[in-house]
């Protein structure tokens, strides 16, 4: 379903807060999270960065990590973010403050080798010392992106951005079309074509196919002496 991009509210807040360590839950809670340390971060968004997710055009967020000495983050004072935030804002990025959602969108876990920072929509999974890919609340994350747009924190995409999304999907189809001599190539072409149609629908360039509903049959079905196709042929001959 294509997204309604009508909104006008804006914000300029760029607060950056810490996070309280979250305990592991379930099996393996007696162990610290056996993952490589990851720094705290701020979500930021540039008006040129968009994606198609769940049939909608949604902002593709980037993480501005609090890594001292990188991306203009100060190597002093615990990694002051002021210069990094200022540079990104001057380049047109929108900084999403932690407190935009209750409790913030970053969770910190005590890791075996240092703090691990994940988004609130990622749940670490560990059994003993083995760590599996985090469980992701995709539905919750999509709602977060929608809310950022609804509240005007992120402005809707410019028409040229939508054109570019469609053009990139069309290019993928064109590349795949050159390899349809094989069954494998045909399958890839069909997948890319399906993706193109999804992008066109999300961007408003194509109408979605109407949903077909089957009528519920009521009562008992009467048995006929003639097959249905015979009856149809007779009706056409009259």
C-alpha atoms as a PDB file:
ATOM      1  CA  UNK A   1       0.000   0.000   0.000  1.00  0.00           C
ATOM      2  CA  UNK A   2       1.455   3.372  -1.034  1.00  0.00           C
ATOM      3  CA  UNK A   3       2.225   5.798   1.775  1.00  0.00           C
ATOM      4  CA  UNK A   4       0.410   9.087   2.284  1.00  0.00           C
ATOM      5  CA  UNK A   5       3.192  11.693   2.421  1.00  0.00           C
ATOM      6  CA  UNK A   6       1.038  14.618   3.617  1.00  0.00           C
ATOM      7  CA  UNK A   7       2.602  16.111   6.752  1.00  0.00           C
ATOM      8  CA  UNK A   8       3.922  19.509   7.845  1.00  0.00           C
ATOM      9  CA  UNK A   9       5.275  19.298  11.436  1.00  0.00           C
ATOM     10  CA  UNK A  10       9.038  19.819  11.858  1.00  0.00           C
ATOM     11  CA  UNK A  11      11.572  19.447  14.665  1.00  0.00           C
ATOM     12  CA  UNK A  12      15.186  20.487  15.225  1.00  0.00           C
ATOM     13  CA  UNK A  13      15.968  18.527  18.409  1.00  0.00           C
ATOM     14  CA  UNK A  14      19.360  16.775  18.395  1.00  0.00           C
ATOM     15  CA  UNK A  15      19.647  15.454  21.952  1.00  0.00           C
ATOM     16  CA  UNK A  16      22.032  12.571  22.576  1.00  0.00           C
ATOM     17  CA  UNK A  17      21.650  10.541  25.745  1.00  0.00           C
ATOM     18  CA  UNK A  18      23.258   7.487  27.267  1.00  0.00           C
ATOM     19  CA  UNK A  19      21.545   4.201  27.936  1.00  0.00           C
ATOM     20  CA  UNK A  20      21.088   1.881  30.913  1.00  0.00           C
ATOM     21  CA  UNK A  21      22.431  -1.678  30.540  1.00  0.00           C
ATOM     22  CA  UNK A  22      19.708  -4.166  29.689  1.00  0.00           C
ATOM     23  CA  UNK A  23      19.835  -7.655  31.249  1.00  0.00           C
ATOM     24  CA  UNK A  24      19.772 -10.692  29.022  1.00  0.00           C
ATOM     25  CA  UNK A  25      16.577 -12.702  29.243  1.00  0.00           C
ATOM     26  CA  UNK A  26      15.917 -16.377  28.726  1.00  0.00           C
ATOM     27  CA  UNK A  27      18.543 -19.077  28.382  1.00  0.00           C
ATOM     28  CA  UNK A  28      22.094 -17.880  29.061  1.00  0.00           C
ATOM     29  CA  UNK A  29      21.205 -15.004  31.385  1.00  0.00           C
ATOM     30  CA  UNK A  30      24.098 -15.853  33.712  1.00  0.00           C
ATOM     31  CA  UNK A  31      26.592 -14.995  30.956  1.00  0.00           C
ATOM     32  CA  UNK A  32      27.502 -11.620  29.553  1.00  0.00           C
ATOM     33  CA  UNK A  33      26.568 -11.073  25.947  1.00  0.00           C
ATOM     34  CA  UNK A  34      29.274 -12.766  23.866  1.00  0.00           C
ATOM     35  CA  UNK A  35      29.306 -10.173  21.080  1.00  0.00           C
ATOM     36  CA  UNK A  36      31.928  -7.714  19.901  1.00  0.00           C
ATOM     37  CA  UNK A  37      31.491  -4.285  21.483  1.00  0.00           C
ATOM     38  CA  UNK A  38      29.438  -1.777  19.491  1.00  0.00           C
ATOM     39  CA  UNK A  39      29.254   1.962  20.256  1.00  0.00           C
ATOM     40  CA  UNK A  40      26.232   4.039  21.140  1.00  0.00           C
ATOM     41  CA  UNK A  41      24.690   5.755  18.134  1.00  0.00           C
ATOM     42  CA  UNK A  42      22.221   8.273  16.811  1.00  0.00           C
ATOM     43  CA  UNK A  43      19.914   7.565  13.911  1.00  0.00           C
ATOM     44  CA  UNK A  44      20.269  10.138  11.149  1.00  0.00           C
ATOM     45  CA  UNK A  45      18.524  10.515   7.820  1.00  0.00           C
ATOM     46  CA  UNK A  46      19.404  12.213   4.553  1.00  0.00           C
ATOM     47  CA  UNK A  47      16.591  13.334   2.202  1.00  0.00           C
ATOM     48  CA  UNK A  48      18.094  11.251  -0.619  1.00  0.00           C
ATOM     49  CA  UNK A  49      18.046   7.957   1.320  1.00  0.00           C
ATOM     50  CA  UNK A  50      14.793   5.979   0.959  1.00  0.00           C
ATOM     51  CA  UNK A  51      13.790   2.340   0.652  1.00  0.00           C
ATOM     52  CA  UNK A  52      10.778   0.191  -0.151  1.00  0.00           C
ATOM     53  CA  UNK A  53       9.712  -1.776   2.920  1.00  0.00           C
ATOM     54  CA  UNK A  54       6.405  -3.560   3.493  1.00  0.00           C
ATOM     55  CA  UNK A  55       5.091  -2.024   0.265  1.00  0.00           C
ATOM     56  CA  UNK A  56       5.835   1.553   1.359  1.00  0.00           C
ATOM     57  CA  UNK A  57       8.435   4.188   0.655  1.00  0.00           C
ATOM     58  CA  UNK A  58      10.152   4.625   4.022  1.00  0.00           C
ATOM     59  CA  UNK A  59      13.261   6.492   5.198  1.00  0.00           C
ATOM     60  CA  UNK A  60      16.509   4.516   5.191  1.00  0.00           C
ATOM     61  CA  UNK A  61      18.200   5.505   8.434  1.00  0.00           C
ATOM     62  CA  UNK A  62      21.950   5.609   9.026  1.00  0.00           C
ATOM     63  CA  UNK A  63      23.769   5.166  12.330  1.00  0.00           C
ATOM     64  CA  UNK A  64      26.067   7.975  13.452  1.00  0.00           C
ATOM     65  CA  UNK A  65      28.181   6.027  15.928  1.00  0.00           C
ATOM     66  CA  UNK A  66      29.823   7.468  19.009  1.00  0.00           C
ATOM     67  CA  UNK A  67      33.275   6.229  18.018  1.00  0.00           C
ATOM     68  CA  UNK A  68      35.980   8.617  19.314  1.00  0.00           C
ATOM     69  CA  UNK A  69      38.291   9.759  16.519  1.00  0.00           C
ATOM     70  CA  UNK A  70      35.932   8.740  13.686  1.00  0.00           C
ATOM     71  CA  UNK A  71      33.400  10.758  11.638  1.00  0.00           C
ATOM     72  CA  UNK A  72      34.312  14.005  13.455  1.00  0.00           C
ATOM     73  CA  UNK A  73      33.593  12.445  16.848  1.00  0.00           C
ATOM     74  CA  UNK A  74      36.055  13.969  19.312  1.00  0.00           C
ATOM     75  CA  UNK A  75      38.743  11.608  20.652  1.00  0.00           C
ATOM     76  CA  UNK A  76      38.495  13.538  23.926  1.00  0.00           C
ATOM     77  CA  UNK A  77      35.781  14.025  26.539  1.00  0.00           C
ATOM     78  CA  UNK A  78      34.446  10.501  26.075  1.00  0.00           C
ATOM     79  CA  UNK A  79      33.766  11.064  22.391  1.00  0.00           C
ATOM     80  CA  UNK A  80      31.935  14.387  22.214  1.00  0.00           C
ATOM     81  CA  UNK A  81      29.371  14.285  19.377  1.00  0.00           C
ATOM     82  CA  UNK A  82      28.927  18.029  18.892  1.00  0.00           C
ATOM     83  CA  UNK A  83      31.174  18.453  15.844  1.00  0.00           C
ATOM     84  CA  UNK A  84      29.916  15.229  14.236  1.00  0.00           C
ATOM     85  CA  UNK A  85      26.285  16.294  14.615  1.00  0.00           C
ATOM     86  CA  UNK A  86      27.028  19.802  13.330  1.00  0.00           C
ATOM     87  CA  UNK A  87      28.765  18.472  10.220  1.00  0.00           C
ATOM     88  CA  UNK A  88      25.923  16.134   9.375  1.00  0.00           C
ATOM     89  CA  UNK A  89      23.277  18.813   9.882  1.00  0.00           C
ATOM     90  CA  UNK A  90      25.171  21.209   7.580  1.00  0.00           C
ATOM     91  CA  UNK A  91      25.243  18.442   4.962  1.00  0.00           C
ATOM     92  CA  UNK A  92      21.461  18.167   5.093  1.00  0.00           C
ATOM     93  CA  UNK A  93      21.047  15.208   7.442  1.00  0.00           C
ATOM     94  CA  UNK A  94      18.267  15.077  10.041  1.00  0.00           C
ATOM     95  CA  UNK A  95      19.397  13.856  13.465  1.00  0.00           C
ATOM     96  CA  UNK A  96      16.866  11.679  15.311  1.00  0.00           C
ATOM     97  CA  UNK A  97      17.177  12.254  19.086  1.00  0.00           C
ATOM     98  CA  UNK A  98      17.121   9.245  21.400  1.00  0.00           C
ATOM     99  CA  UNK A  99      14.136  10.525  23.357  1.00  0.00           C
ATOM    100  CA  UNK A 100      11.944  10.636  20.253  1.00  0.00           C
ATOM    101  CA  UNK A 101      10.445   7.396  21.609  1.00  0.00           C
ATOM    102  CA  UNK A 102       9.748   6.634  25.295  1.00  0.00           C
ATOM    103  CA  UNK A 103      12.855   5.150  26.896  1.00  0.00           C
ATOM    104  CA  UNK A 104      14.969   5.882  23.823  1.00  0.00           C
ATOM    105  CA  UNK A 105      15.668   3.698  20.800  1.00  0.00           C
ATOM    106  CA  UNK A 106      19.064   2.355  21.952  1.00  0.00           C
ATOM    107  CA  UNK A 107      19.579  -0.476  24.440  1.00  0.00           C
ATOM    108  CA  UNK A 108      22.941  -1.208  26.001  1.00  0.00           C
ATOM    109  CA  UNK A 109      23.948  -4.714  27.062  1.00  0.00           C
ATOM    110  CA  UNK A 110      26.935  -5.770  29.153  1.00  0.00           C
ATOM    111  CA  UNK A 111      29.166  -7.621  26.739  1.00  0.00           C
ATOM    112  CA  UNK A 112      32.002  -9.983  27.568  1.00  0.00           C
ATOM    113  CA  UNK A 113      34.441  -7.594  25.856  1.00  0.00           C
ATOM    114  CA  UNK A 114      32.639  -4.293  26.365  1.00  0.00           C
ATOM    115  CA  UNK A 115      29.249  -2.636  25.998  1.00  0.00           C
ATOM    116  CA  UNK A 116      26.999  -3.734  23.128  1.00  0.00           C
ATOM    117  CA  UNK A 117      24.501  -1.202  21.805  1.00  0.00           C
ATOM    118  CA  UNK A 118      21.493  -2.376  19.805  1.00  0.00           C
ATOM    119  CA  UNK A 119      18.296  -0.715  18.711  1.00  0.00           C
ATOM    120  CA  UNK A 120      15.195  -1.324  20.813  1.00  0.00           C
ATOM    121  CA  UNK A 121      13.823  -3.455  17.968  1.00  0.00           C
ATOM    122  CA  UNK A 122      16.703  -5.944  18.180  1.00  0.00           C
ATOM    123  CA  UNK A 123      16.644  -8.664  20.822  1.00  0.00           C
ATOM    124  CA  UNK A 124      19.915 -10.556  21.386  1.00  0.00           C
ATOM    125  CA  UNK A 125      19.747 -14.336  21.478  1.00  0.00           C
ATOM    126  CA  UNK A 126      22.373 -16.320  23.339  1.00  0.00           C
ATOM    127  CA  UNK A 127      22.512 -19.908  24.528  1.00  0.00           C
ATOM    128  CA  UNK A 128      25.472 -20.497  26.793  1.00  0.00           C
ATOM    129  CA  UNK A 129      28.325 -18.747  25.013  1.00  0.00           C
ATOM    130  CA  UNK A 130      26.865 -19.051  21.534  1.00  0.00           C
ATOM    131  CA  UNK A 131      25.236 -15.939  20.090  1.00  0.00           C
ATOM    132  CA  UNK A 132      22.663 -16.059  17.313  1.00  0.00           C
ATOM    133  CA  UNK A 133      21.543 -13.210  15.081  1.00  0.00           C
ATOM    134  CA  UNK A 134      19.323 -10.828  17.052  1.00  0.00           C
ATOM    135  CA  UNK A 135      15.588 -11.271  16.740  1.00  0.00           C
ATOM    136  CA  UNK A 136      14.257  -8.200  14.928  1.00  0.00           C
ATOM    137  CA  UNK A 137      10.864  -6.622  15.509  1.00  0.00           C
ATOM    138  CA  UNK A 138      10.353  -5.557  11.893  1.00  0.00           C
ATOM    139  CA  UNK A 139       6.756  -4.494  12.473  1.00  0.00           C
ATOM    140  CA  UNK A 140       7.774  -2.255  15.365  1.00  0.00           C
ATOM    141  CA  UNK A 141      10.610  -0.702  13.371  1.00  0.00           C
ATOM    142  CA  UNK A 142       8.322   0.049  10.449  1.00  0.00           C
ATOM    143  CA  UNK A 143       5.877   1.729  12.826  1.00  0.00           C
ATOM    144  CA  UNK A 144       8.777   3.827  14.124  1.00  0.00           C
ATOM    145  CA  UNK A 145       9.644   4.959  10.585  1.00  0.00           C
ATOM    146  CA  UNK A 146       6.018   5.760   9.840  1.00  0.00           C
ATOM    147  CA  UNK A 147       5.770   7.778  13.031  1.00  0.00           C
ATOM    148  CA  UNK A 148       8.852   9.823  12.128  1.00  0.00           C
ATOM    149  CA  UNK A 149       7.123  10.832   8.909  1.00  0.00           C
ATOM    150  CA  UNK A 150       3.709  11.343  10.459  1.00  0.00           C
ATOM    151  CA  UNK A 151       5.178  13.731  13.032  1.00  0.00           C
ATOM    152  CA  UNK A 152       7.147  15.634  10.410  1.00  0.00           C
ATOM    153  CA  UNK A 153      10.514  14.728  11.903  1.00  0.00           C
ATOM    154  CA  UNK A 154      11.409  13.349   8.488  1.00  0.00           C
ATOM    155  CA  UNK A 155       9.917  15.158   5.510  1.00  0.00           C
ATOM    156  CA  UNK A 156       8.381  13.201   2.613  1.00  0.00           C
ATOM    157  CA  UNK A 157      10.587  12.217  -0.327  1.00  0.00           C
ATOM    158  CA  UNK A 158      10.952  14.646  -3.207  1.00  0.00           C
ATOM    159  CA  UNK A 159       9.332  13.532  -6.498  1.00  0.00           C
ATOM    160  CA  UNK A 160      12.772  13.124  -8.083  1.00  0.00           C
ATOM    161  CA  UNK A 161      13.685  10.629  -5.339  1.00  0.00           C
ATOM    162  CA  UNK A 162      10.651   8.514  -6.201  1.00  0.00           C
ATOM    163  CA  UNK A 163      11.623   8.707  -9.876  1.00  0.00           C
ATOM    164  CA  UNK A 164      15.099   7.476  -8.973  1.00  0.00           C
ATOM    165  CA  UNK A 165      13.726   4.517  -6.983  1.00  0.00           C
ATOM    166  CA  UNK A 166      11.667   3.448  -9.999  1.00  0.00           C
ATOM    167  CA  UNK A 167      14.571   4.040 -12.399  1.00  0.00           C
ATOM    168  CA  UNK A 168      16.899   1.837 -10.338  1.00  0.00           C
ATOM    169  CA  UNK A 169      14.322  -0.948 -10.215  1.00  0.00           C
ATOM    170  CA  UNK A 170      13.824  -0.617 -13.990  1.00  0.00           C
ATOM    171  CA  UNK A 171      17.590  -0.856 -14.546  1.00  0.00           C
ATOM    172  CA  UNK A 172      17.659  -4.140 -12.639  1.00  0.00           C
ATOM    173  CA  UNK A 173      14.905  -5.468 -14.909  1.00  0.00           C
ATOM    174  CA  UNK A 174      16.770  -4.327 -18.025  1.00  0.00           C
ATOM    175  CA  UNK A 175      19.954  -6.079 -16.888  1.00  0.00           C
ATOM    176  CA  UNK A 176      18.050  -9.282 -16.127  1.00  0.00           C
ATOM    177  CA  UNK A 177      16.279  -9.190 -19.515  1.00  0.00           C
ATOM    178  CA  UNK A 178      19.577  -9.906 -21.269  1.00  0.00           C
ATOM    179  CA  UNK A 179      19.828 -13.327 -19.591  1.00  0.00           C
ATOM    180  CA  UNK A 180      16.392 -14.839 -20.233  1.00  0.00           C
ATOM    181  CA  UNK A 181      17.723 -17.488 -22.608  1.00  0.00           C
ATOM    182  CA  UNK A 182      17.967 -19.874 -19.654  1.00  0.00           C
ATOM    183  CA  UNK A 183      15.324 -20.926 -17.154  1.00  0.00           C
ATOM    184  CA  UNK A 184      17.420 -19.537 -14.310  1.00  0.00           C
ATOM    185  CA  UNK A 185      17.713 -16.226 -16.149  1.00  0.00           C
ATOM    186  CA  UNK A 186      13.967 -16.121 -16.724  1.00  0.00           C
ATOM    187  CA  UNK A 187      13.336 -16.687 -13.024  1.00  0.00           C
ATOM    188  CA  UNK A 188      15.648 -13.795 -12.100  1.00  0.00           C
ATOM    189  CA  UNK A 189      13.943 -11.570 -14.665  1.00  0.00           C
ATOM    190  CA  UNK A 190      10.509 -12.388 -13.264  1.00  0.00           C
ATOM    191  CA  UNK A 191      11.657 -11.591  -9.720  1.00  0.00           C
ATOM    192  CA  UNK A 192      13.140  -8.258 -10.782  1.00  0.00           C
ATOM    193  CA  UNK A 193       9.979  -7.442 -12.716  1.00  0.00           C
ATOM    194  CA  UNK A 194       7.884  -8.208  -9.644  1.00  0.00           C
ATOM    195  CA  UNK A 195      10.134  -5.920  -7.568  1.00  0.00           C
ATOM    196  CA  UNK A 196       9.741  -3.156 -10.162  1.00  0.00           C
ATOM    197  CA  UNK A 197       5.956  -3.380  -9.974  1.00  0.00           C
ATOM    198  CA  UNK A 198       6.109  -3.226  -6.170  1.00  0.00           C
ATOM    199  CA  UNK A 199       8.292  -0.114  -6.332  1.00  0.00           C
ATOM    200  CA  UNK A 200       5.977   1.509  -8.885  1.00  0.00           C
ATOM    201  CA  UNK A 201       2.964   0.838  -6.658  1.00  0.00           C
ATOM    202  CA  UNK A 202       4.701   2.183  -3.555  1.00  0.00           C
ATOM    203  CA  UNK A 203       5.784   5.324  -5.412  1.00  0.00           C
ATOM    204  CA  UNK A 204       2.346   5.899  -6.921  1.00  0.00           C
ATOM    205  CA  UNK A 205       3.319   5.073 -10.523  1.00  0.00           C
ATOM    206  CA  UNK A 206       1.111   1.991 -10.745  1.00  0.00           C
ATOM    207  CA  UNK A 207      -2.189   1.056  -9.178  1.00  0.00           C
ATOM    208  CA  UNK A 208      -2.221  -2.094  -7.046  1.00  0.00           C
ATOM    209  CA  UNK A 209      -4.128  -5.050  -8.379  1.00  0.00           C
ATOM    210  CA  UNK A 210      -7.651  -5.212  -6.957  1.00  0.00           C
ATOM    211  CA  UNK A 211      -8.113  -7.935  -4.417  1.00  0.00           C
ATOM    212  CA  UNK A 212     -10.336 -10.766  -5.560  1.00  0.00           C
ATOM    213  CA  UNK A 213     -12.755 -12.257  -3.087  1.00  0.00           C
ATOM    214  CA  UNK A 214     -14.505 -15.553  -3.469  1.00  0.00           C
ATOM    215  CA  UNK A 215     -18.223 -15.611  -2.846  1.00  0.00           C
ATOM    216  CA  UNK A 216     -19.285 -18.057  -0.213  1.00  0.00           C
ATOM    217  CA  UNK A 217     -21.516 -20.769  -1.535  1.00  0.00           C
ATOM    218  CA  UNK A 218     -24.670 -21.332   0.453  1.00  0.00           C
ATOM    219  CA  UNK A 219     -27.013 -24.282   0.520  1.00  0.00           C
ATOM    220  CA  UNK A 220     -26.470 -27.660  -1.129  1.00  0.00           C
ATOM    221  CA  UNK A 221     -25.205 -27.990  -4.661  1.00  0.00           C
ATOM    222  CA  UNK A 222     -27.658 -29.630  -7.024  1.00  0.00           C
ATOM    223  CA  UNK A 223     -26.335 -32.381  -9.177  1.00  0.00           C
ATOM    224  CA  UNK A 224     -26.824 -31.821 -12.904  1.00  0.00           C
ATOM    225  CA  UNK A 225     -27.028 -34.427 -15.605  1.00  0.00           C
ATOM    226  CA  UNK A 226     -24.890 -32.378 -18.012  1.00  0.00           C
ATOM    227  CA  UNK A 227     -21.300 -31.257 -17.490  1.00  0.00           C
ATOM    228  CA  UNK A 228     -20.883 -27.496 -17.113  1.00  0.00           C
ATOM    229  CA  UNK A 229     -18.852 -27.137 -20.312  1.00  0.00           C
ATOM    230  CA  UNK A 230     -21.585 -28.856 -22.359  1.00  0.00           C
ATOM    231  CA  UNK A 231     -24.193 -26.422 -21.047  1.00  0.00           C
ATOM    232  CA  UNK A 232     -21.965 -23.456 -21.886  1.00  0.00           C
ATOM    233  CA  UNK A 233     -21.462 -24.735 -25.431  1.00  0.00           C
ATOM    234  CA  UNK A 234     -25.181 -25.127 -25.947  1.00  0.00           C
ATOM    235  CA  UNK A 235     -25.853 -21.615 -24.693  1.00  0.00           C
ATOM    236  CA  UNK A 236     -23.295 -20.207 -27.093  1.00  0.00           C
ATOM    237  CA  UNK A 237     -24.808 -22.128 -30.021  1.00  0.00           C
ATOM    238  CA  UNK A 238     -28.341 -20.798 -29.481  1.00  0.00           C
END
